[in-house]
Amino acid sequence: MNRKTLVLPAVIGLLAPVLAACGGSDSGSNSGDAIVVGTTDAFKASKAAPAPLDPAYAYDVGTWNVLRQTVQTLMVQPRGDGDPEPEAAEKCGFSDTGNERYACTLRKDLKFSNGDPVTAKDVKFSIDRALSLKSDSGVFALLSTIDTVETQGDREVIFHLKTADATFPFKLSTPVAGIVNPKDYEKGKLRDGFEVDGSGPYTLEAEVKDDKMVKAVFTKNPNYKGQLKVKNSKVEMRSYESADAMGTALEKGDIDLMTRSMTPAQITKLGNVTDSNIDLIEMPGLEIRYLAFNTDASTVKTKAVRQAMAQLVNRGELVSKVYGSQAEPLYSMVPATITGHSNSFFNKYGDPSVTKAKAALAKANITTPVKLTLHYTTDHYGTATQQEFEVLKKQLNASGLFDVSISGTSWDKFVPAERAGDYDVWGMGWFPDFPDADNYLAPFLDKDNFLKSPYTNNQVINTLIPESRREADRLTASKSLTDIQDIVAEDVPLLPLWQGKQYIAARDDITGTEWALNSSSTLQLWELGRGVSG
């Protein structure tokens, strides 16, 4: 049989798995050994980031994938995506016509994993705590439209918003809105280390070596109440130093499934094998990669320099040389499959042109070649990142207009340096918090943007973002969203590069793999079971 399984989008902008992997079914098993999942995500505690798993701090796909198993949210993105559905809540909804008052009723007899009751006051404590701590990860900005949180009795929570926000239900499905127990989490301090307590489908036991979580054991929470159906009793997540080491572990049977980040070569190899007991599951993805600019830095402060880079980057060549069919060129921060997408960068710059880039620099009286260092992380987005930056360097230097060098740094050092403003230009990836165009724009351009970028545009912040959030029909919001994308293409505080697919490789006795990732790259371990090899 062909071991490559495709999970295709049902409709544009609404992604739903439709084909199962070999041996996959909706019926998993709650018995047997733990299902073992491999990842190259690194979970480190450091002086700069001592609380990697606190919901008020965590803001990357790896840590969120730990929290989504353990810390419950009022809302959750459904199995096949679409609008969020109640999770810790029994029901939620806007209770006014202006989308400024959002009310939720908690499920009856909801409990934390230790047996303590979950009340409306705990929800208020958790939200207020994240907003007041205002951690330097910037994750609190997801809740920035909240004015006050009101409770009525033990089960009613009412969110009064500063302004209309049709995306608010999505935000309540993200880990920063996770419900935590005041007994375990201090109001005015982040929780250091790797302990996590909540009311989600699993409890967590972390194995830590040298301030790094090397293994996470997720055990089914007997007190869990929610809409998720947990199809196993235990899952282990093991962190590997490299994709090659993770792949070897899968081949040997040391792990049952591997997820991000596989190398392009691994994906190609697995997709071409027809007689293996390992399945490759390909799914639509909403991951993007981009360059970010410190617009106060002398090297790129002049807009013409950033525009010249936008004019020179050849996305088609970059994708074909590094990622092949596993990615597609991207001409906006908003992926092509999201409602509101516009090819703003292609509309402005067209095909790569040295002549046009040279003219832009000359008009701004910029002396060439412009000397720059492009920074990237060596261990967070996969080993292909270095090759990607080598291609970018070659493209820019071949123009004669730039003198570019590249520098790679491990994620635990890369993030603090980026936030401190140490980099002029750096590469980042974005896995959406929720599948809406707002989440590809506001986190980078609104107040308290998570990149700590000095770039501001008052029209975007004060008019266009609020205007787009007033529209419950996201098609109606497209005009405002397109205007934002056009401004980004003009000012280039960010330079989108490509949009990627996502993959899982699993031994063929593992069921539920077609549901193991949603379009936002949320790892849904509760979907996995153990069946019959075939």
Protein backbone atom coordinates (compact mmCIF):
# COMPACT_ATOMS: atom_id res chain seq x y z
CA MET A 1 0.00 0.00 0.00
CA ASN A 2 1.04 3.61 -0.33
CA ARG A 3 2.08 4.68 3.12
CA LYS A 4 1.50 8.38 2.53
CA THR A 5 -1.93 9.43 3.78
CA LEU A 6 -3.38 12.79 2.84
CA VAL A 7 -5.70 14.70 5.10
CA LEU A 8 -7.28 17.29 2.85
CA PRO A 9 -9.19 20.54 3.46
CA ALA A 10 -12.95 20.20 3.20
CA VAL A 11 -13.36 23.81 2.15
CA ILE A 12 -10.96 26.72 1.86
CA GLY A 13 -10.38 28.29 5.26
CA LEU A 14 -12.11 25.40 7.08
CA LEU A 15 -9.77 22.43 7.36
CA ALA A 16 -11.10 18.99 8.19
CA PRO A 17 -9.46 15.55 8.06
CA VAL A 18 -11.25 13.21 5.70
CA LEU A 19 -8.96 10.20 5.28
CA ALA A 20 -7.60 7.92 7.98
CA ALA A 21 -4.13 6.44 8.19
CA CYS A 22 -3.60 2.70 7.84
CA GLY A 23 -5.21 1.03 10.82
CA GLY A 24 -6.77 4.32 11.94
CA SER A 25 -10.30 4.56 13.27
CA ASP A 26 -12.39 6.63 15.58
CA SER A 27 -12.24 3.94 18.21
CA GLY A 28 -9.05 3.90 20.19
CA SER A 29 -8.07 1.83 23.15
CA ASN A 30 -7.88 2.86 26.78
CA SER A 31 -5.71 -0.13 27.65
CA GLY A 32 -2.17 -1.24 26.93
CA ASP A 33 1.19 0.46 27.23
CA ALA A 34 1.66 4.19 27.03
CA ILE A 35 1.69 5.63 23.51
CA VAL A 36 5.09 7.26 23.04
CA VAL A 37 5.38 10.45 20.99
CA GLY A 38 8.65 11.98 19.84
CA THR A 39 9.34 15.67 19.30
CA THR A 40 12.35 17.89 18.71
CA ASP A 41 10.78 20.67 20.79
CA ALA A 42 13.12 21.65 23.60
CA PHE A 43 11.63 22.50 26.99
CA LYS A 44 14.19 24.45 28.98
CA ALA A 45 14.03 26.53 32.15
CA SER A 46 16.61 29.29 32.34
CA LYS A 47 17.33 32.47 34.22
CA ALA A 48 15.73 34.44 31.39
CA ALA A 49 12.73 32.08 31.16
CA PRO A 50 12.32 30.20 34.45
CA ALA A 51 8.60 29.42 33.97
CA PRO A 52 8.28 27.82 30.52
CA LEU A 53 4.99 26.02 31.26
CA ASP A 54 3.08 28.72 33.11
CA PRO A 55 -0.02 29.56 31.02
CA ALA A 56 0.60 33.25 31.75
CA TYR A 57 4.04 32.96 30.10
CA ALA A 58 4.15 30.10 27.56
CA TYR A 59 3.83 31.26 23.95
CA ASP A 60 5.27 28.77 21.50
CA VAL A 61 3.82 25.71 19.83
CA GLY A 62 5.81 23.24 21.94
CA THR A 63 4.81 24.53 25.37
CA TRP A 64 1.24 25.14 24.25
CA ASN A 65 1.03 21.50 23.16
CA VAL A 66 1.87 20.51 26.73
CA LEU A 67 -0.64 22.92 28.22
CA ARG A 68 -3.49 21.91 25.89
CA GLN A 69 -3.35 18.41 27.35
CA THR A 70 -3.41 19.55 30.97
CA VAL A 71 -4.96 23.00 31.45
CA GLN A 72 -8.60 23.36 30.49
CA THR A 73 -10.05 26.37 28.70
CA LEU A 74 -13.63 27.61 28.56
CA MET A 75 -13.72 27.02 24.82
CA VAL A 76 -11.89 24.61 22.52
CA GLN A 77 -11.34 24.37 18.78
CA PRO A 78 -13.38 21.42 17.50
CA ARG A 79 -11.98 18.28 15.98
CA GLY A 80 -12.20 19.40 12.38
CA ASP A 81 -11.77 23.09 13.13
CA GLY A 82 -14.50 25.68 12.63
CA ASP A 83 -15.95 27.85 15.37
CA PRO A 84 -14.85 27.15 18.97
CA GLU A 85 -17.11 25.03 21.14
CA PRO A 86 -17.66 24.97 24.94
CA GLU A 87 -15.12 22.89 26.88
CA ALA A 88 -14.87 23.79 30.58
CA ALA A 89 -17.99 25.81 29.88
CA GLU A 90 -21.41 24.31 29.38
CA LYS A 91 -22.35 27.23 27.17
CA CYS A 92 -20.86 30.55 26.07
CA GLY A 93 -21.98 33.40 23.86
CA PHE A 94 -22.22 37.12 23.27
CA SER A 95 -25.10 38.52 25.27
CA ASP A 96 -25.30 41.86 23.43
CA THR A 97 -25.63 42.94 19.83
CA GLY A 98 -22.28 44.76 19.82
CA ASN A 99 -19.99 41.78 20.61
CA GLU A 100 -18.76 43.51 23.79
CA ARG A 101 -20.26 41.29 26.49
CA TYR A 102 -19.44 37.58 26.52
CA ALA A 103 -20.97 35.23 29.08
CA CYS A 104 -20.08 31.64 29.98
CA THR A 105 -21.66 29.06 32.27
CA LEU A 106 -19.29 26.42 33.68
CA ARG A 107 -20.12 22.73 33.55
CA LYS A 108 -21.63 21.33 36.74
CA ASP A 109 -19.28 19.66 39.21
CA LEU A 110 -16.15 20.68 37.30
CA LYS A 111 -12.99 19.73 39.21
CA PHE A 112 -9.25 20.26 39.07
CA SER A 113 -7.21 17.07 38.80
CA ASN A 114 -6.63 17.12 42.59
CA GLY A 115 -10.39 17.08 43.21
CA ASP A 116 -10.84 20.76 44.09
CA PRO A 117 -13.96 22.31 42.53
CA VAL A 118 -13.47 24.69 39.59
CA THR A 119 -15.49 27.86 40.11
CA ALA A 120 -16.17 31.08 38.28
CA LYS A 121 -13.78 32.80 40.71
CA ASP A 122 -10.98 30.50 39.50
CA VAL A 123 -11.66 31.55 35.92
CA LYS A 124 -11.54 35.21 36.90
CA PHE A 125 -8.35 34.63 38.91
CA SER A 126 -6.67 32.93 35.94
CA ILE A 127 -7.56 35.63 33.41
CA ASP A 128 -6.80 38.53 35.74
CA ARG A 129 -3.49 36.90 36.69
CA ALA A 130 -2.32 36.58 33.06
CA LEU A 131 -3.26 40.19 32.36
CA SER A 132 -1.64 41.60 35.49
CA LEU A 133 1.60 39.59 35.18
CA LYS A 134 2.03 40.94 31.65
CA SER A 135 4.89 38.50 30.99
CA ASP A 136 7.55 39.46 28.48
CA SER A 137 6.48 36.64 26.15
CA GLY A 138 3.62 38.95 25.13
CA VAL A 139 1.00 36.20 25.38
CA PHE A 140 -1.22 38.38 27.59
CA ALA A 141 -1.97 40.54 24.55
CA LEU A 142 -4.35 37.83 23.32
CA LEU A 143 -6.63 38.93 26.16
CA SER A 144 -6.10 42.66 25.60
CA THR A 145 -9.70 43.40 24.63
CA ILE A 146 -10.90 42.37 28.11
CA ASP A 147 -11.90 45.29 30.32
CA THR A 148 -13.24 43.46 33.39
CA VAL A 149 -14.22 39.92 34.38
CA GLU A 150 -17.38 39.53 36.44
CA THR A 151 -18.64 36.44 38.29
CA GLN A 152 -22.19 35.59 39.31
CA GLY A 153 -22.35 32.66 41.69
CA ASP A 154 -20.06 29.68 41.24
CA ARG A 155 -20.72 29.00 37.57
CA GLU A 156 -21.34 32.28 35.73
CA VAL A 157 -18.48 34.30 34.18
CA ILE A 158 -19.08 37.50 32.24
CA PHE A 159 -16.37 39.20 30.18
CA HIS A 160 -16.86 42.91 29.57
CA LEU A 161 -14.77 43.91 26.56
CA LYS A 162 -13.19 47.29 25.82
CA THR A 163 -14.28 47.05 22.22
CA ALA A 164 -16.13 44.63 19.96
CA ASP A 165 -14.15 41.46 19.32
CA ALA A 166 -15.75 38.73 17.21
CA THR A 167 -12.56 36.65 17.63
CA PHE A 168 -12.90 36.54 21.43
CA PRO A 169 -14.31 32.96 21.58
CA PHE A 170 -11.17 31.78 19.78
CA LYS A 171 -8.99 33.56 22.33
CA LEU A 172 -10.75 31.77 25.18
CA SER A 173 -9.62 28.50 23.56
CA THR A 174 -5.91 29.36 23.92
CA PRO A 175 -3.72 28.27 26.87
CA VAL A 176 -3.26 31.82 28.17
CA ALA A 177 -6.96 31.63 29.07
CA GLY A 178 -6.40 28.28 30.80
CA ILE A 179 -8.04 27.81 34.21
CA VAL A 180 -5.53 27.35 37.04
CA ASN A 181 -5.98 26.67 40.75
CA PRO A 182 -5.08 29.64 42.99
CA LYS A 183 -3.59 27.06 45.41
CA ASP A 184 -0.94 26.18 42.80
CA TYR A 185 -0.37 29.50 41.04
CA GLU A 186 0.49 32.77 42.79
CA LYS A 187 -1.33 35.88 41.66
CA GLY A 188 1.75 38.06 41.35
CA LYS A 189 4.43 35.57 40.30
CA LEU A 190 5.01 33.08 37.51
CA ARG A 191 5.28 29.42 38.46
CA ASP A 192 8.87 28.34 37.86
CA GLY A 193 9.84 24.92 36.57
CA PHE A 194 7.82 22.21 34.85
CA GLU A 195 4.89 21.52 37.15
CA VAL A 196 1.45 21.97 35.60
CA ASP A 197 -1.89 21.51 37.34
CA GLY A 198 -5.29 22.00 35.79
CA SER A 199 -8.59 20.36 34.92
CA GLY A 200 -7.69 19.16 31.42
CA PRO A 201 -7.82 15.61 30.04
CA TYR A 202 -4.42 14.64 31.47
CA THR A 203 -2.16 15.19 34.44
CA LEU A 204 1.55 15.79 33.83
CA GLU A 205 4.62 14.23 35.37
CA ALA A 206 7.84 15.76 34.03
CA GLU A 207 11.25 14.11 33.93
CA VAL A 208 13.83 16.89 34.14
CA LYS A 209 17.59 16.81 33.58
CA ASP A 210 19.84 19.89 33.71
CA ASP A 211 16.85 22.26 33.73
CA LYS A 212 15.40 20.58 30.67
CA MET A 213 12.24 18.48 30.45
CA VAL A 214 13.33 15.36 28.56
CA LYS A 215 10.13 13.39 29.05
CA ALA A 216 6.54 14.34 29.80
CA VAL A 217 4.17 11.63 31.01
CA PHE A 218 0.50 12.44 30.44
CA THR A 219 -1.89 10.29 32.49
CA LYS A 220 -5.65 10.34 31.96
CA ASN A 221 -7.26 12.66 34.50
CA PRO A 222 -10.06 10.76 36.31
CA ASN A 223 -11.71 14.08 37.30
CA TYR A 224 -11.83 15.47 33.75
CA LYS A 225 -15.19 16.78 32.54
CA GLY A 226 -15.38 18.25 29.08
CA GLN A 227 -16.27 17.47 25.50
CA LEU A 228 -12.98 15.73 24.58
CA LYS A 229 -13.09 11.94 24.39
CA VAL A 230 -9.82 10.53 25.76
CA LYS A 231 -8.93 7.33 23.89
CA ASN A 232 -5.88 6.24 25.85
CA SER A 233 -4.83 6.03 29.47
CA LYS A 234 -1.29 7.33 29.12
CA VAL A 235 0.95 9.13 26.60
CA GLU A 236 4.68 9.80 26.94
CA MET A 237 6.31 12.66 25.06
CA ARG A 238 10.07 12.37 24.59
CA SER A 239 12.23 15.25 23.47
CA TYR A 240 15.04 14.50 20.99
CA GLU A 241 18.07 16.59 20.12
CA SER A 242 17.59 16.04 16.39
CA ALA A 243 15.06 14.86 13.83
CA ASP A 244 17.44 12.07 12.80
CA ALA A 245 17.58 10.73 16.37
CA MET A 246 13.79 10.90 16.57
CA GLY A 247 13.44 9.09 13.24
CA THR A 248 15.79 6.32 14.37
CA ALA A 249 13.73 5.88 17.55
CA LEU A 250 10.56 5.48 15.43
CA GLU A 251 12.20 2.91 13.15
CA LYS A 252 13.43 0.91 16.16
CA GLY A 253 10.03 1.00 17.81
CA ASP A 254 11.20 3.07 20.78
CA ILE A 255 8.47 5.58 19.99
CA ASP A 256 5.10 5.15 18.28
CA LEU A 257 4.72 8.52 16.60
CA MET A 258 6.84 11.51 15.69
CA THR A 259 5.71 15.02 15.07
CA ARG A 260 7.53 18.32 14.62
CA SER A 261 10.03 18.82 13.39
CA MET A 262 10.85 16.25 10.74
CA THR A 263 13.35 17.17 8.05
CA PRO A 264 12.26 17.58 4.41
CA ALA A 265 14.43 14.54 3.55
CA GLN A 266 12.67 12.40 6.17
CA ILE A 267 9.26 13.41 4.89
CA THR A 268 10.20 12.68 1.28
CA LYS A 269 11.65 9.29 2.19
CA LEU A 270 8.63 8.24 4.26
CA GLY A 271 6.25 9.41 1.55
CA ASN A 272 7.96 7.25 -1.07
CA VAL A 273 8.17 4.01 0.92
CA THR A 274 5.44 1.47 0.12
CA ASP A 275 6.39 -1.52 2.26
CA SER A 276 6.89 -0.04 5.70
CA ASN A 277 5.00 -0.40 8.96
CA ILE A 278 5.27 3.37 9.39
CA ASP A 279 2.62 5.71 7.97
CA LEU A 280 3.20 9.31 6.92
CA ILE A 281 0.15 11.52 7.44
CA GLU A 282 0.13 14.81 5.53
CA MET A 283 -2.25 17.55 6.63
CA PRO A 284 -2.97 21.11 5.54
CA GLY A 285 -1.00 23.51 7.70
CA LEU A 286 -1.22 27.13 8.67
CA GLU A 287 2.39 27.50 9.78
CA ILE A 288 4.24 30.41 8.20
CA ARG A 289 7.84 31.63 8.19
CA TYR A 290 8.91 35.25 7.95
CA LEU A 291 11.69 37.74 8.61
CA ALA A 292 11.17 40.34 11.34
CA PHE A 293 12.88 43.73 11.46
CA ASN A 294 13.94 45.95 14.33
CA THR A 295 12.81 49.13 12.61
CA ASP A 296 14.83 51.25 15.05
CA ALA A 297 18.11 49.56 14.10
CA SER A 298 20.37 51.74 11.97
CA THR A 299 20.88 49.07 9.30
CA VAL A 300 17.18 48.64 8.48
CA LYS A 301 15.61 51.80 9.88
CA THR A 302 15.18 53.25 6.40
CA LYS A 303 12.12 51.70 4.79
CA ALA A 304 13.85 51.49 1.41
CA VAL A 305 16.30 48.88 2.77
CA ARG A 306 13.45 46.64 3.87
CA GLN A 307 11.61 47.24 0.61
CA ALA A 308 14.73 46.31 -1.36
CA MET A 309 14.94 43.01 0.53
CA ALA A 310 11.27 42.38 -0.25
CA GLN A 311 12.03 43.10 -3.90
CA LEU A 312 14.94 40.63 -4.02
CA VAL A 313 13.76 37.57 -2.10
CA ASN A 314 12.84 34.77 -4.48
CA ARG A 315 10.33 32.70 -2.54
CA GLY A 316 9.83 30.14 -5.31
CA GLU A 317 13.53 29.33 -5.42
CA LEU A 318 13.75 29.28 -1.62
CA VAL A 319 10.91 26.80 -1.29
CA SER A 320 12.01 24.53 -4.14
CA LYS A 321 15.62 24.32 -2.93
CA VAL A 322 14.84 23.70 0.74
CA TYR A 323 11.31 22.36 1.21
CA GLY A 324 10.11 21.14 -2.20
CA SER A 325 6.42 20.25 -2.25
CA GLN A 326 6.21 20.56 1.55
CA ALA A 327 5.75 24.36 1.44
CA GLU A 328 4.42 27.12 -0.79
CA PRO A 329 5.57 30.71 -1.35
CA LEU A 330 3.69 33.22 0.80
CA TYR A 331 3.04 36.84 -0.19
CA SER A 332 1.26 38.00 2.96
CA MET A 333 1.45 37.33 6.68
CA VAL A 334 -2.01 35.75 6.26
CA PRO A 335 -1.91 32.25 4.67
CA ALA A 336 -3.67 31.68 1.38
CA THR A 337 -6.29 29.37 2.91
CA ILE A 338 -7.48 31.89 5.51
CA THR A 339 -10.46 34.16 4.84
CA GLY A 340 -9.16 37.69 4.31
CA HIS A 341 -5.86 36.69 2.66
CA SER A 342 -4.43 39.06 0.06
CA ASN A 343 -1.23 38.64 -2.02
CA SER A 344 -0.12 42.11 -0.96
CA PHE A 345 3.63 41.57 -1.37
CA PHE A 346 3.27 40.15 -4.87
CA ASN A 347 0.87 42.95 -5.80
CA LYS A 348 3.45 45.54 -4.74
CA TYR A 349 6.75 43.94 -5.74
CA GLY A 350 5.91 41.37 -8.42
CA ASP A 351 8.71 39.05 -9.43
CA PRO A 352 12.20 39.50 -7.88
CA SER A 353 14.07 42.39 -9.53
CA VAL A 354 17.58 43.67 -8.83
CA THR A 355 16.86 46.73 -10.98
CA LYS A 356 13.84 47.77 -8.90
CA ALA A 357 15.66 47.10 -5.62
CA LYS A 358 18.64 49.16 -6.75
CA ALA A 359 16.37 52.04 -7.74
CA ALA A 360 14.63 52.01 -4.34
CA LEU A 361 17.96 52.17 -2.47
CA ALA A 362 19.33 54.88 -4.77
CA LYS A 363 16.22 57.03 -4.30
CA ALA A 364 16.72 56.86 -0.53
CA ASN A 365 20.46 57.65 -0.89
CA ILE A 366 21.46 54.33 0.69
CA THR A 367 25.10 53.37 0.20
CA THR A 368 25.50 49.82 -1.07
CA PRO A 369 26.25 47.11 -0.31
CA VAL A 370 24.17 47.24 2.88
CA LYS A 371 25.84 45.11 5.55
CA LEU A 372 23.42 42.92 7.54
CA THR A 373 23.33 39.83 9.73
CA LEU A 374 20.30 37.56 9.47
CA HIS A 375 19.71 35.64 12.71
CA TYR A 376 17.94 32.30 12.96
CA THR A 377 17.31 29.65 15.59
CA THR A 378 19.15 26.36 15.14
CA ASP A 379 16.86 24.00 17.04
CA HIS A 380 13.25 25.21 17.08
CA TYR A 381 11.98 24.99 13.51
CA GLY A 382 14.09 22.07 12.29
CA THR A 383 17.51 21.59 10.77
CA ALA A 384 16.39 22.91 7.36
CA THR A 385 16.33 26.44 8.81
CA GLN A 386 20.09 26.82 8.32
CA GLN A 387 19.80 25.83 4.67
CA GLU A 388 16.91 28.27 4.27
CA PHE A 389 19.03 31.14 5.56
CA GLU A 390 21.96 30.15 3.38
CA VAL A 391 19.65 30.48 0.35
CA LEU A 392 18.41 33.88 1.56
CA LYS A 393 21.98 35.05 2.07
CA LYS A 394 22.95 33.93 -1.43
CA GLN A 395 19.95 35.64 -3.01
CA LEU A 396 20.57 38.98 -1.31
CA ASN A 397 24.34 38.97 -1.85
CA ALA A 398 24.01 37.96 -5.51
CA SER A 399 22.30 41.29 -6.14
CA GLY A 400 25.44 43.19 -5.17
CA LEU A 401 23.23 45.46 -3.06
CA PHE A 402 23.71 43.61 0.24
CA ASP A 403 26.57 42.09 2.20
CA VAL A 404 24.73 39.54 4.32
CA SER A 405 26.04 37.11 6.89
CA ILE A 406 23.95 34.62 8.88
CA SER A 407 24.12 33.56 12.52
CA GLY A 408 22.38 30.63 14.21
CA THR A 409 21.51 30.44 17.93
CA SER A 410 19.70 27.89 20.09
CA TRP A 411 16.08 28.78 20.93
CA ASP A 412 16.68 29.31 24.65
CA LYS A 413 19.19 32.07 23.82
CA PHE A 414 17.56 33.27 20.61
CA VAL A 415 14.26 34.35 22.19
CA PRO A 416 15.72 36.53 25.00
CA ALA A 417 18.11 38.17 22.51
CA GLU A 418 15.30 38.92 20.07
CA ARG A 419 13.12 40.37 22.82
CA ALA A 420 16.00 42.51 24.08
CA GLY A 421 16.39 44.08 20.64
CA ASP A 422 19.81 42.51 19.98
CA TYR A 423 18.92 41.52 16.41
CA ASP A 424 18.31 43.83 13.45
CA VAL A 425 16.79 41.09 11.26
CA TRP A 426 15.75 37.65 12.41
CA GLY A 427 13.76 34.68 11.19
CA MET A 428 10.66 33.41 12.94
CA GLY A 429 7.84 30.95 12.42
CA TRP A 430 4.24 31.38 13.42
CA PHE A 431 1.81 28.65 14.35
CA PRO A 432 -1.55 30.37 14.72
CA ASP A 433 -3.20 30.68 18.11
CA PHE A 434 -6.46 30.24 16.19
CA PRO A 435 -7.30 30.06 12.46
CA ASP A 436 -8.35 33.63 11.74
CA ALA A 437 -6.61 36.40 9.78
CA ASP A 438 -6.61 38.60 12.89
CA ASN A 439 -4.15 36.19 14.51
CA TYR A 440 -1.61 36.67 11.72
CA LEU A 441 -1.74 40.45 12.02
CA ALA A 442 -2.64 41.74 15.48
CA PRO A 443 0.07 39.82 17.42
CA PHE A 444 2.72 41.55 15.29
CA LEU A 445 1.17 44.99 14.77
CA ASP A 446 -1.08 45.81 17.73
CA LYS A 447 -0.04 47.38 21.03
CA ASP A 448 2.15 45.07 23.14
CA ASN A 449 3.09 43.03 20.06
CA PHE A 450 4.82 39.82 21.04
CA LEU A 451 7.96 40.54 18.96
CA LYS A 452 8.61 43.71 21.00
CA SER A 453 8.87 45.45 17.63
CA PRO A 454 9.19 49.25 17.74
CA TYR A 455 7.14 49.50 14.54
CA THR A 456 3.77 51.18 15.01
CA ASN A 457 1.09 52.28 12.59
CA ASN A 458 -1.73 54.27 14.16
CA GLN A 459 -4.19 53.50 11.37
CA VAL A 460 -3.66 49.78 11.88
CA ILE A 461 -3.85 49.93 15.68
CA ASN A 462 -6.61 52.47 16.19
CA THR A 463 -8.84 51.88 13.17
CA LEU A 464 -8.26 48.77 11.07
CA ILE A 465 -7.77 46.09 13.74
CA PRO A 466 -10.80 47.25 15.81
CA GLU A 467 -12.82 47.63 12.60
CA SER A 468 -12.05 44.05 11.51
CA ARG A 469 -12.91 42.64 14.95
CA ARG A 470 -16.38 44.17 14.87
CA GLU A 471 -17.35 41.87 12.02
CA ALA A 472 -18.66 38.47 13.09
CA ASP A 473 -18.79 37.56 9.39
CA ARG A 474 -15.09 37.34 8.55
CA LEU A 475 -15.77 37.86 4.85
CA THR A 476 -17.16 41.27 5.75
CA ALA A 477 -13.92 42.01 7.62
CA SER A 478 -11.84 41.37 4.48
CA LYS A 479 -11.61 45.04 3.44
CA SER A 480 -10.00 46.07 6.74
CA LEU A 481 -7.77 42.98 6.75
CA THR A 482 -6.60 43.67 3.18
CA ASP A 483 -5.79 47.27 4.08
CA ILE A 484 -3.59 46.03 6.94
CA GLN A 485 -1.78 43.59 4.65
CA ASP A 486 -1.18 46.36 2.10
CA ILE A 487 0.35 48.57 4.80
CA VAL A 488 2.66 45.73 5.86
CA ALA A 489 3.77 45.29 2.24
CA GLU A 490 4.47 49.03 1.99
CA ASP A 491 6.34 49.45 5.29
CA VAL A 492 7.85 45.93 5.54
CA PRO A 493 8.20 45.56 9.32
CA LEU A 494 7.77 41.85 8.48
CA LEU A 495 8.64 39.92 5.35
CA PRO A 496 6.58 36.72 4.77
CA LEU A 497 8.43 33.84 3.12
CA TRP A 498 6.43 30.61 2.96
CA GLN A 499 3.48 28.59 4.22
CA GLY A 500 4.03 24.97 5.18
CA LYS A 501 2.16 21.69 5.38
CA GLN A 502 2.33 19.58 8.52
CA TYR A 503 3.14 15.93 8.99
CA ILE A 504 2.97 13.09 11.46
CA ALA A 505 4.73 9.74 11.09
CA ALA A 506 3.36 6.85 13.13
CA ARG A 507 3.61 3.11 13.44
CA ASP A 508 0.63 1.54 11.76
CA ASP A 509 -0.97 0.17 14.93
CA ILE A 510 -1.58 3.71 16.21
CA THR A 511 -5.13 4.90 15.59
CA GLY A 512 -6.54 8.42 15.49
CA THR A 513 -3.50 9.91 13.77
CA GLU A 514 -5.71 11.74 11.26
CA TRP A 515 -6.99 13.83 14.18
CA ALA A 516 -3.71 14.17 16.07
CA LEU A 517 -3.05 17.70 14.74
CA ASN A 518 -5.53 20.42 13.91
CA SER A 519 -4.82 23.24 11.45
CA SER A 520 -3.31 25.37 14.22
CA SER A 521 -0.76 22.60 14.89
CA THR A 522 -2.43 21.74 18.19
CA LEU A 523 -1.32 18.28 19.27
CA GLN A 524 -4.44 16.37 20.31
CA LEU A 525 -2.98 13.41 22.19
CA TRP A 526 -6.41 12.35 23.45
CA GLU A 527 -7.28 11.18 19.92
CA LEU A 528 -4.57 8.50 19.83
CA GLY A 529 -5.22 4.83 20.50
CA ARG A 530 -3.59 1.49 19.85
CA GLY A 531 -5.13 -0.88 17.34
CA VAL A 532 -3.94 -3.71 15.10
CA SER A 533 -0.85 -3.42 12.94
CA GLY A 534 -1.60 -3.72 9.24
